[in-house]
Amino acid sequence: MTEKLMFQNAPHVRQSESVVTMMADVVLALLPVYLMGVFYYGARALVLGIWGVLSCIVLSAIGSLLLREKAVFDLTPIITGLIIPLLMPANIPYYIVFSACAVAILVVKCLFGGLGYNFMNPALAARCFLLISFSGIVANYS
């Protein structure tokens, strides 16, 4: 019973799970975090999450149109839109959340090729952008 070593392109471990089901698991994992955010900070935490998700979905569609690519709905804009407001205080203005989503989706995700080709996590890049651009507002946790 000898197995030969096969050289092939990644992924080397194959499962029946798809990218969409893995991303749906991440969305489900973020829901308890939002429940605690609502518990501690009120409904504004949930509204910021919804605003982030809607912004990322719209910006992802705009990015696909601008680059003339077929829009792929793999739930990554939803995850990015959920993570970005979690990295900020609950009293952050909506335009700052939108600008963070724009950097994450249009610059990091769309320009660098999308899922698997990003040079860093889009939400992390948005956080870095916000710390440089709006450091007084973003670092002010009340």
C-alpha atoms as a PDB file:
ATOM      1  CA  MET A   1       0.000   0.000   0.000  1.00  0.00           C
ATOM      2  CA  THR A   2       2.269   2.748  -1.225  1.00  0.00           C
ATOM      3  CA  GLU A   3       1.037   6.165  -2.237  1.00  0.00           C
ATOM      4  CA  LYS A   4       2.849   8.349  -4.673  1.00  0.00           C
ATOM      5  CA  LEU A   5       3.520  11.945  -3.934  1.00  0.00           C
ATOM      6  CA  MET A   6       1.531  14.048  -6.388  1.00  0.00           C
ATOM      7  CA  PHE A   7       2.548  17.562  -7.271  1.00  0.00           C
ATOM      8  CA  GLN A   8      -0.438  19.716  -8.107  1.00  0.00           C
ATOM      9  CA  ASN A   9      -1.800  23.198  -7.597  1.00  0.00           C
ATOM     10  CA  ALA A  10      -3.235  24.196  -4.228  1.00  0.00           C
ATOM     11  CA  PRO A  11      -5.396  23.409  -2.355  1.00  0.00           C
ATOM     12  CA  HIS A  12      -3.733  20.180  -1.429  1.00  0.00           C
ATOM     13  CA  VAL A  13      -6.416  19.171   1.040  1.00  0.00           C
ATOM     14  CA  ARG A  14      -9.760  18.805  -0.668  1.00  0.00           C
ATOM     15  CA  GLN A  15     -13.132  18.737   1.037  1.00  0.00           C
ATOM     16  CA  SER A  16     -16.713  18.851  -0.069  1.00  0.00           C
ATOM     17  CA  GLU A  17     -17.099  22.252   1.583  1.00  0.00           C
ATOM     18  CA  SER A  18     -17.201  25.264  -0.730  1.00  0.00           C
ATOM     19  CA  VAL A  19     -16.018  28.820  -0.206  1.00  0.00           C
ATOM     20  CA  VAL A  20     -19.595  29.995   0.285  1.00  0.00           C
ATOM     21  CA  THR A  21     -20.286  27.483   3.048  1.00  0.00           C
ATOM     22  CA  MET A  22     -17.045  28.391   4.836  1.00  0.00           C
ATOM     23  CA  MET A  23     -17.885  32.092   4.614  1.00  0.00           C
ATOM     24  CA  ALA A  24     -21.408  31.388   5.876  1.00  0.00           C
ATOM     25  CA  ASP A  25     -19.811  29.711   8.904  1.00  0.00           C
ATOM     26  CA  VAL A  26     -17.795  32.873   9.535  1.00  0.00           C
ATOM     27  CA  VAL A  27     -20.965  35.002   9.315  1.00  0.00           C
ATOM     28  CA  LEU A  28     -22.643  32.707  11.846  1.00  0.00           C
ATOM     29  CA  ALA A  29     -19.596  32.977  14.110  1.00  0.00           C
ATOM     30  CA  LEU A  30     -19.824  36.781  14.040  1.00  0.00           C
ATOM     31  CA  LEU A  31     -23.489  36.873  15.096  1.00  0.00           C
ATOM     32  CA  PRO A  32     -22.825  36.255  18.832  1.00  0.00           C
ATOM     33  CA  VAL A  33     -20.297  39.087  18.759  1.00  0.00           C
ATOM     34  CA  TYR A  34     -23.010  41.398  17.454  1.00  0.00           C
ATOM     35  CA  LEU A  35     -25.431  40.172  20.103  1.00  0.00           C
ATOM     36  CA  MET A  36     -22.931  41.172  22.773  1.00  0.00           C
ATOM     37  CA  GLY A  37     -22.367  44.480  21.008  1.00  0.00           C
ATOM     38  CA  VAL A  38     -26.102  45.188  21.156  1.00  0.00           C
ATOM     39  CA  PHE A  39     -26.135  44.153  24.807  1.00  0.00           C
ATOM     40  CA  TYR A  40     -23.291  46.521  25.737  1.00  0.00           C
ATOM     41  CA  TYR A  41     -23.751  49.433  23.313  1.00  0.00           C
ATOM     42  CA  GLY A  42     -27.392  49.276  22.255  1.00  0.00           C
ATOM     43  CA  ALA A  43     -28.978  49.055  18.829  1.00  0.00           C
ATOM     44  CA  ARG A  44     -26.376  51.376  17.305  1.00  0.00           C
ATOM     45  CA  ALA A  45     -23.910  48.487  17.149  1.00  0.00           C
ATOM     46  CA  LEU A  46     -26.359  46.491  15.052  1.00  0.00           C
ATOM     47  CA  VAL A  47     -27.146  49.470  12.821  1.00  0.00           C
ATOM     48  CA  LEU A  48     -23.428  50.026  12.201  1.00  0.00           C
ATOM     49  CA  GLY A  49     -23.076  46.360  11.254  1.00  0.00           C
ATOM     50  CA  ILE A  50     -25.982  46.558   8.815  1.00  0.00           C
ATOM     51  CA  TRP A  51     -24.576  49.789   7.377  1.00  0.00           C
ATOM     52  CA  GLY A  52     -21.157  48.157   6.931  1.00  0.00           C
ATOM     53  CA  VAL A  53     -22.636  45.098   5.201  1.00  0.00           C
ATOM     54  CA  LEU A  54     -24.794  47.153   2.836  1.00  0.00           C
ATOM     55  CA  SER A  55     -21.884  49.462   2.038  1.00  0.00           C
ATOM     56  CA  CYS A  56     -19.552  46.572   1.252  1.00  0.00           C
ATOM     57  CA  ILE A  57     -22.109  44.794  -0.942  1.00  0.00           C
ATOM     58  CA  VAL A  58     -22.815  47.942  -2.969  1.00  0.00           C
ATOM     59  CA  LEU A  59     -19.119  48.827  -3.248  1.00  0.00           C
ATOM     60  CA  SER A  60     -18.293  45.278  -4.343  1.00  0.00           C
ATOM     61  CA  ALA A  61     -20.891  45.519  -7.116  1.00  0.00           C
ATOM     62  CA  ILE A  62     -19.513  48.918  -8.147  1.00  0.00           C
ATOM     63  CA  GLY A  63     -15.974  47.518  -8.173  1.00  0.00           C
ATOM     64  CA  SER A  64     -17.056  44.637 -10.403  1.00  0.00           C
ATOM     65  CA  LEU A  65     -18.707  47.083 -12.800  1.00  0.00           C
ATOM     66  CA  LEU A  66     -15.693  49.395 -12.894  1.00  0.00           C
ATOM     67  CA  LEU A  67     -13.296  46.519 -13.572  1.00  0.00           C
ATOM     68  CA  ARG A  68     -15.742  44.929 -16.031  1.00  0.00           C
ATOM     69  CA  GLU A  69     -15.635  41.626 -14.221  1.00  0.00           C
ATOM     70  CA  LYS A  70     -18.376  39.168 -13.486  1.00  0.00           C
ATOM     71  CA  ALA A  71     -19.734  39.797  -9.988  1.00  0.00           C
ATOM     72  CA  VAL A  72     -19.042  36.832  -7.704  1.00  0.00           C
ATOM     73  CA  PHE A  73     -21.163  36.636  -4.582  1.00  0.00           C
ATOM     74  CA  ASP A  74     -18.977  34.665  -2.184  1.00  0.00           C
ATOM     75  CA  LEU A  75     -20.105  36.348   1.077  1.00  0.00           C
ATOM     76  CA  THR A  76     -16.737  38.061   1.570  1.00  0.00           C
ATOM     77  CA  PRO A  77     -18.238  41.570   1.344  1.00  0.00           C
ATOM     78  CA  ILE A  78     -20.660  40.586   4.110  1.00  0.00           C
ATOM     79  CA  ILE A  79     -17.830  39.391   6.331  1.00  0.00           C
ATOM     80  CA  THR A  80     -15.789  42.513   5.677  1.00  0.00           C
ATOM     81  CA  GLY A  81     -18.851  44.667   6.353  1.00  0.00           C
ATOM     82  CA  LEU A  82     -19.419  42.881   9.647  1.00  0.00           C
ATOM     83  CA  ILE A  83     -15.809  43.070  10.820  1.00  0.00           C
ATOM     84  CA  ILE A  84     -15.137  46.752  10.041  1.00  0.00           C
ATOM     85  CA  PRO A  85     -17.652  48.236  12.544  1.00  0.00           C
ATOM     86  CA  LEU A  86     -16.379  45.839  15.212  1.00  0.00           C
ATOM     87  CA  LEU A  87     -12.962  47.492  14.963  1.00  0.00           C
ATOM     88  CA  MET A  88     -14.364  50.940  15.813  1.00  0.00           C
ATOM     89  CA  PRO A  89     -16.122  52.656  18.699  1.00  0.00           C
ATOM     90  CA  ALA A  90     -19.920  52.448  18.775  1.00  0.00           C
ATOM     91  CA  ASN A  91     -20.316  56.210  18.369  1.00  0.00           C
ATOM     92  CA  ILE A  92     -18.424  56.380  15.060  1.00  0.00           C
ATOM     93  CA  PRO A  93     -20.060  58.419  12.271  1.00  0.00           C
ATOM     94  CA  TYR A  94     -21.509  56.522   9.329  1.00  0.00           C
ATOM     95  CA  TYR A  95     -19.305  58.226   6.745  1.00  0.00           C
ATOM     96  CA  ILE A  96     -16.192  56.837   8.443  1.00  0.00           C
ATOM     97  CA  VAL A  97     -17.592  53.305   8.267  1.00  0.00           C
ATOM     98  CA  PHE A  98     -18.392  53.876   4.590  1.00  0.00           C
ATOM     99  CA  SER A  99     -14.897  55.202   3.848  1.00  0.00           C
ATOM    100  CA  ALA A 100     -13.368  52.172   5.575  1.00  0.00           C
ATOM    101  CA  CYS A 101     -15.575  49.877   3.489  1.00  0.00           C
ATOM    102  CA  ALA A 102     -14.541  51.738   0.335  1.00  0.00           C
ATOM    103  CA  VAL A 103     -10.850  51.227   1.073  1.00  0.00           C
ATOM    104  CA  ALA A 104     -11.373  47.577   2.001  1.00  0.00           C
ATOM    105  CA  ILE A 105     -13.478  46.648  -1.013  1.00  0.00           C
ATOM    106  CA  LEU A 106     -12.368  48.966  -3.820  1.00  0.00           C
ATOM    107  CA  VAL A 107      -8.659  49.162  -3.037  1.00  0.00           C
ATOM    108  CA  VAL A 108      -7.722  45.937  -1.299  1.00  0.00           C
ATOM    109  CA  LYS A 109     -10.271  43.472  -2.650  1.00  0.00           C
ATOM    110  CA  CYS A 110     -11.023  44.673  -6.182  1.00  0.00           C
ATOM    111  CA  LEU A 111      -7.662  46.067  -7.261  1.00  0.00           C
ATOM    112  CA  PHE A 112      -5.648  43.133  -5.964  1.00  0.00           C
ATOM    113  CA  GLY A 113      -7.861  40.397  -7.389  1.00  0.00           C
ATOM    114  CA  GLY A 114     -10.297  39.382  -4.696  1.00  0.00           C
ATOM    115  CA  LEU A 115     -10.442  36.249  -2.591  1.00  0.00           C
ATOM    116  CA  GLY A 116      -7.035  34.634  -2.238  1.00  0.00           C
ATOM    117  CA  TYR A 117      -5.109  37.442  -3.914  1.00  0.00           C
ATOM    118  CA  ASN A 118      -5.302  40.203  -1.307  1.00  0.00           C
ATOM    119  CA  PHE A 119      -2.006  41.407   0.121  1.00  0.00           C
ATOM    120  CA  MET A 120      -3.684  41.684   3.521  1.00  0.00           C
ATOM    121  CA  ASN A 121      -7.095  41.275   5.105  1.00  0.00           C
ATOM    122  CA  PRO A 122      -9.400  43.994   3.700  1.00  0.00           C
ATOM    123  CA  ALA A 123     -10.847  44.855   7.132  1.00  0.00           C
ATOM    124  CA  LEU A 124      -7.347  45.184   8.557  1.00  0.00           C
ATOM    125  CA  ALA A 125      -6.317  47.467   5.702  1.00  0.00           C
ATOM    126  CA  ALA A 126      -9.400  49.591   6.399  1.00  0.00           C
ATOM    127  CA  ARG A 127      -8.447  49.782  10.073  1.00  0.00           C
ATOM    128  CA  CYS A 128      -4.936  50.948   9.142  1.00  0.00           C
ATOM    129  CA  PHE A 129      -6.419  53.546   6.799  1.00  0.00           C
ATOM    130  CA  LEU A 130      -8.707  54.811   9.554  1.00  0.00           C
ATOM    131  CA  LEU A 131      -5.908  55.036  12.103  1.00  0.00           C
ATOM    132  CA  ILE A 132      -3.943  57.200   9.689  1.00  0.00           C
ATOM    133  CA  SER A 133      -6.854  59.320   8.427  1.00  0.00           C
ATOM    134  CA  PHE A 134      -9.207  59.635  11.413  1.00  0.00           C
ATOM    135  CA  SER A 135      -7.004  58.725  14.373  1.00  0.00           C
ATOM    136  CA  GLY A 136      -8.703  61.069  16.853  1.00  0.00           C
ATOM    137  CA  ILE A 137     -12.181  59.709  16.175  1.00  0.00           C
ATOM    138  CA  VAL A 138     -11.302  56.052  15.698  1.00  0.00           C
ATOM    139  CA  ALA A 139      -9.157  55.759  18.839  1.00  0.00           C
ATOM    140  CA  ASN A 140     -11.695  57.507  21.099  1.00  0.00           C
ATOM    141  CA  TYR A 141     -13.514  54.674  22.883  1.00  0.00           C
ATOM    142  CA  SER A 142     -16.011  56.108  25.337  1.00  0.00           C
END
